[in-house]
């Protein structure tokens, strides 16, 4: 079990560790997104909707809402930037915890959200915090997978699923032009469908626990993030101790 947990956020990657980490983070992203909506009435990973909302509110003269959208967008980008900085810093030093560092930070921020408690005065802070977390996580899995996987960007997952379905149902007929037939990448299609389903299940779970526990439910999301980050960090600590 320890070897498996270590592999999930370790520097040395396999296809299985990429896929399994993506599953866990997709569930967490769905739960955090839905839970955030229950807490503050706004989705915090949906940048397309946020930018569209900024355009609408600017035209309508709702400058307060426009600035809220700008805060959410800037926080998401800041989270992605910090994730990239942490990963590149760890890569330069050949650390085993290169992907564990953003997860550890995400765990800490999720705990901060859990203890913050929602009040109207803290609304902007919580929106910024959750958007930062989503940007942090999405950038980490994007860099880890070479942009093949994203855990908060369901629009991309659905688009890629549609593309593979189009290839799956494409009729190649009896063409004899020497060209390779159109075929779907069935393992990729399976992975995409699983991730969409996990985001949805995470959303249902997140909405349920946040409805009953409030922001303290975020501790349930922080715990697995901490477990994912722990063992690669301990490896680096032990290596540093010996040297």
Protein backbone atom coordinates (compact mmCIF):
# COMPACT_ATOMS: atom_id res chain seq x y z
CA UNK A 1 0.00 0.00 0.00
CA UNK A 2 2.83 2.41 0.88
CA UNK A 3 4.55 1.77 -2.47
CA UNK A 4 1.29 2.42 -4.31
CA UNK A 5 0.58 5.67 -2.44
CA UNK A 6 4.17 6.82 -2.97
CA UNK A 7 3.92 6.22 -6.71
CA UNK A 8 0.89 8.46 -7.18
CA UNK A 9 2.67 11.81 -6.72
CA UNK A 10 6.26 10.65 -7.20
CA UNK A 11 8.71 12.10 -9.71
CA UNK A 12 9.00 8.73 -11.46
CA UNK A 13 5.78 8.17 -13.38
CA UNK A 14 3.95 5.27 -15.00
CA UNK A 15 0.78 5.24 -17.05
CA UNK A 16 -1.06 3.65 -14.12
CA UNK A 17 0.13 6.24 -11.60
CA UNK A 18 -0.92 9.06 -13.96
CA UNK A 19 -4.35 7.54 -14.44
CA UNK A 20 -5.00 6.76 -10.78
CA UNK A 21 -3.85 10.19 -9.60
CA UNK A 22 -6.12 11.75 -12.21
CA UNK A 23 -9.04 9.73 -10.84
CA UNK A 24 -8.49 10.89 -7.26
CA UNK A 25 -7.98 14.53 -8.24
CA UNK A 26 -10.99 14.57 -10.57
CA UNK A 27 -13.21 13.36 -7.73
CA UNK A 28 -11.73 15.98 -5.38
CA UNK A 29 -12.15 18.73 -7.99
CA UNK A 30 -15.80 17.80 -8.52
CA UNK A 31 -16.42 17.79 -4.77
CA UNK A 32 -14.61 21.10 -4.21
CA UNK A 33 -16.40 22.76 -7.12
CA UNK A 34 -19.86 21.66 -6.01
CA UNK A 35 -19.04 22.25 -2.35
CA UNK A 36 -17.78 25.73 -3.18
CA UNK A 37 -21.08 26.47 -4.89
CA UNK A 38 -22.95 25.32 -1.80
CA UNK A 39 -20.73 27.58 0.33
CA UNK A 40 -20.56 30.76 -1.75
CA UNK A 41 -23.03 30.33 -4.61
CA UNK A 42 -20.38 30.26 -7.35
CA UNK A 43 -18.51 27.57 -9.24
CA UNK A 44 -14.77 28.09 -8.90
CA UNK A 45 -13.25 25.98 -11.69
CA UNK A 46 -15.48 27.16 -14.55
CA UNK A 47 -13.31 29.88 -16.10
CA UNK A 48 -15.34 29.96 -19.34
CA UNK A 49 -18.45 30.87 -17.38
CA UNK A 50 -16.56 33.35 -15.22
CA UNK A 51 -15.07 35.22 -18.20
CA UNK A 52 -18.47 35.23 -19.94
CA UNK A 53 -20.02 36.56 -16.73
CA UNK A 54 -17.41 39.31 -16.59
CA UNK A 55 -18.39 40.42 -20.10
CA UNK A 56 -22.10 40.42 -19.21
CA UNK A 57 -21.66 42.31 -15.96
CA UNK A 58 -19.42 44.90 -17.60
CA UNK A 59 -22.08 45.64 -20.23
CA UNK A 60 -24.79 45.75 -17.56
CA UNK A 61 -22.76 48.15 -15.44
CA UNK A 62 -22.46 45.72 -12.53
CA UNK A 63 -18.86 46.64 -11.83
CA UNK A 64 -18.88 44.93 -8.43
CA UNK A 65 -19.69 41.59 -10.05
CA UNK A 66 -17.18 42.27 -12.83
CA UNK A 67 -14.46 42.79 -10.24
CA UNK A 68 -15.50 39.60 -8.43
CA UNK A 69 -15.09 37.71 -11.70
CA UNK A 70 -11.72 39.33 -12.28
CA UNK A 71 -10.65 38.26 -8.79
CA UNK A 72 -11.71 34.66 -9.51
CA UNK A 73 -9.90 34.62 -12.85
CA UNK A 74 -6.74 36.15 -11.42
CA UNK A 75 -6.75 33.72 -8.50
CA UNK A 76 -7.09 30.71 -10.80
CA UNK A 77 -4.17 31.93 -12.92
CA UNK A 78 -2.12 32.66 -9.80
CA UNK A 79 -2.71 29.11 -8.55
CA UNK A 80 -1.59 27.69 -11.90
CA UNK A 81 1.49 29.93 -11.86
CA UNK A 82 2.47 28.90 -8.32
CA UNK A 83 2.03 25.24 -9.27
CA UNK A 84 4.38 25.71 -12.24
CA UNK A 85 6.93 27.50 -10.05
CA UNK A 86 6.90 24.72 -7.44
CA UNK A 87 7.21 21.96 -10.05
CA UNK A 88 10.03 23.64 -11.97
CA UNK A 89 11.86 24.44 -8.72
CA UNK A 90 11.63 20.79 -7.64
CA UNK A 91 12.68 19.51 -11.06
CA UNK A 92 15.81 21.68 -11.00
CA UNK A 93 16.74 20.03 -7.71
CA UNK A 94 15.79 16.50 -8.87
CA UNK A 95 13.37 16.11 -5.95
CA UNK A 96 11.18 13.03 -5.72
CA UNK A 97 8.32 15.22 -4.44
CA UNK A 98 8.11 17.32 -7.61
CA UNK A 99 4.33 16.76 -7.89
CA UNK A 100 3.74 16.29 -4.18
CA UNK A 101 4.62 19.93 -3.42
CA UNK A 102 1.54 21.43 -5.15
CA UNK A 103 -0.61 18.73 -3.54
CA UNK A 104 0.76 19.57 -0.10
CA UNK A 105 0.00 23.24 -0.68
CA UNK A 106 -3.48 22.35 -1.90
CA UNK A 107 -4.02 20.28 1.24
CA UNK A 108 -3.00 23.22 3.44
CA UNK A 109 -5.26 25.64 1.58
CA UNK A 110 -8.16 23.21 1.74
CA UNK A 111 -7.72 23.07 5.52
CA UNK A 112 -7.67 26.85 5.60
CA UNK A 113 -10.97 26.86 3.73
CA UNK A 114 -12.36 24.28 6.18
CA UNK A 115 -11.65 26.43 9.24
CA UNK A 116 -12.53 29.76 7.63
CA UNK A 117 -16.28 29.41 8.08
CA UNK A 118 -18.51 31.23 5.62
CA UNK A 119 -19.66 34.76 6.37
CA UNK A 120 -20.68 37.43 3.82
CA UNK A 121 -17.60 39.43 4.79
CA UNK A 122 -15.36 36.51 3.78
CA UNK A 123 -17.10 35.83 0.47
CA UNK A 124 -14.40 37.31 -1.77
CA UNK A 125 -11.62 35.64 0.21
CA UNK A 126 -13.26 32.22 -0.13
CA UNK A 127 -13.90 32.66 -3.87
CA UNK A 128 -10.26 33.65 -4.40
CA UNK A 129 -9.05 30.75 -2.26
CA UNK A 130 -11.11 28.11 -4.08
CA UNK A 131 -10.20 29.45 -7.53
CA UNK A 132 -6.53 29.44 -6.53
CA UNK A 133 -6.85 25.80 -5.40
CA UNK A 134 -8.49 24.77 -8.68
CA UNK A 135 -5.80 26.52 -10.74
CA UNK A 136 -3.07 24.93 -8.62
CA UNK A 137 -4.45 21.44 -9.11
CA UNK A 138 -5.24 21.77 -12.80
CA UNK A 139 -1.77 23.09 -13.63
CA UNK A 140 -0.12 20.28 -11.66
CA UNK A 141 -1.94 17.46 -13.48
CA UNK A 142 -1.50 19.28 -16.81
CA UNK A 143 2.30 19.44 -16.39
CA UNK A 144 2.46 15.91 -14.99
CA UNK A 145 0.59 14.42 -17.97
CA UNK A 146 2.05 16.62 -20.70
CA UNK A 147 -1.36 18.35 -21.12
CA UNK A 148 -3.10 15.01 -21.80
CA UNK A 149 -5.21 15.17 -18.62
CA UNK A 150 -7.06 17.94 -16.82
CA UNK A 151 -9.10 17.36 -13.69
CA UNK A 152 -11.14 20.56 -13.36
CA UNK A 153 -11.78 21.25 -17.05
CA UNK A 154 -14.82 19.11 -17.84
CA UNK A 155 -15.50 21.00 -21.10
CA UNK A 156 -12.22 19.63 -22.45
CA UNK A 157 -13.04 16.12 -21.21
CA UNK A 158 -16.46 16.18 -22.86
CA UNK A 159 -15.00 17.57 -26.11
CA UNK A 160 -12.35 14.84 -26.24
CA UNK A 161 -15.03 12.23 -25.49
CA UNK A 162 -17.12 13.51 -28.38
CA UNK A 163 -14.12 13.34 -30.72
CA UNK A 164 -13.41 9.73 -29.78
CA UNK A 165 -17.09 8.81 -30.13
CA UNK A 166 -17.09 10.39 -33.59
CA UNK A 167 -14.13 8.21 -34.54
CA UNK A 168 -15.75 5.16 -32.94
CA UNK A 169 -18.92 5.46 -35.00
CA UNK A 170 -17.25 6.62 -38.20
CA UNK A 171 -18.10 4.31 -41.11
CA UNK A 172 -14.97 3.59 -43.06
CA UNK A 173 -16.98 1.84 -45.75
CA UNK A 174 -15.16 0.00 -48.46
CA UNK A 175 -12.72 2.74 -49.37
CA UNK A 176 -9.63 1.43 -51.10
CA UNK A 177 -7.62 4.61 -51.23
CA UNK A 178 -4.78 3.13 -49.20
CA UNK A 179 -5.42 5.38 -46.22
CA UNK A 180 -5.59 4.00 -42.69
CA UNK A 181 -9.15 3.57 -41.39
CA UNK A 182 -10.50 5.99 -38.79
CA UNK A 183 -10.41 4.24 -35.41
CA UNK A 184 -11.16 5.41 -31.89
CA UNK A 185 -8.65 5.28 -29.06
CA UNK A 186 -10.79 3.05 -26.85
CA UNK A 187 -8.54 3.18 -23.74
CA UNK A 188 -8.56 6.99 -23.96
CA UNK A 189 -12.35 7.00 -24.42
CA UNK A 190 -12.74 4.79 -21.36
CA UNK A 191 -10.47 7.07 -19.30
CA UNK A 192 -12.39 10.18 -20.36
CA UNK A 193 -15.77 8.66 -19.51
CA UNK A 194 -14.47 7.51 -16.12
CA UNK A 195 -13.16 10.99 -15.32
CA UNK A 196 -16.44 12.70 -16.28
CA UNK A 197 -18.32 10.22 -14.10
CA UNK A 198 -15.90 10.74 -11.19
CA UNK A 199 -16.26 14.53 -11.44
CA UNK A 200 -20.04 14.09 -11.27
CA UNK A 201 -19.87 11.65 -8.34
CA UNK A 202 -17.46 14.00 -6.59
CA UNK A 203 -19.89 16.85 -7.19
CA UNK A 204 -22.80 14.94 -5.67
CA UNK A 205 -20.68 13.91 -2.68
CA UNK A 206 -19.31 17.42 -2.20
CA UNK A 207 -22.73 19.04 -2.40
CA UNK A 208 -24.10 16.56 0.13
CA UNK A 209 -21.36 16.92 2.76
CA UNK A 210 -21.05 20.70 2.40
CA UNK A 211 -24.82 21.02 2.75
CA UNK A 212 -24.69 19.16 6.06
CA UNK A 213 -21.28 20.17 7.47
CA UNK A 214 -20.60 23.58 5.94
CA UNK A 215 -17.04 24.59 5.10
CA UNK A 216 -15.62 22.11 7.63
CA UNK A 217 -16.43 19.41 5.06
CA UNK A 218 -13.30 20.56 3.21
CA UNK A 219 -11.28 18.62 5.78
CA UNK A 220 -12.58 15.46 4.10
CA UNK A 221 -10.95 16.67 0.88
CA UNK A 222 -7.74 17.85 2.53
CA UNK A 223 -7.05 14.44 4.10
CA UNK A 224 -6.57 12.44 0.86
CA UNK A 225 -4.50 15.28 -0.62
CA UNK A 226 -2.21 15.08 2.38
CA UNK A 227 -1.88 11.30 2.00
CA UNK A 228 -1.03 11.67 -1.71
CA UNK A 229 1.71 14.20 -0.94
CA UNK A 230 3.13 12.60 2.21
CA UNK A 231 5.36 9.73 1.05
CA UNK A 232 7.32 11.51 -1.74
CA UNK A 233 7.95 14.36 0.71
CA UNK A 234 9.19 11.87 3.33
CA UNK A 235 11.51 10.31 0.73
CA UNK A 236 13.11 13.68 0.02
CA UNK A 237 13.37 14.44 3.73
CA UNK A 238 15.07 11.10 4.41
CA UNK A 239 17.46 11.57 1.48
CA UNK A 240 18.36 15.06 2.69
CA UNK A 241 18.94 13.72 6.22
CA UNK A 242 21.39 11.06 4.97
CA UNK A 243 23.33 13.54 2.91
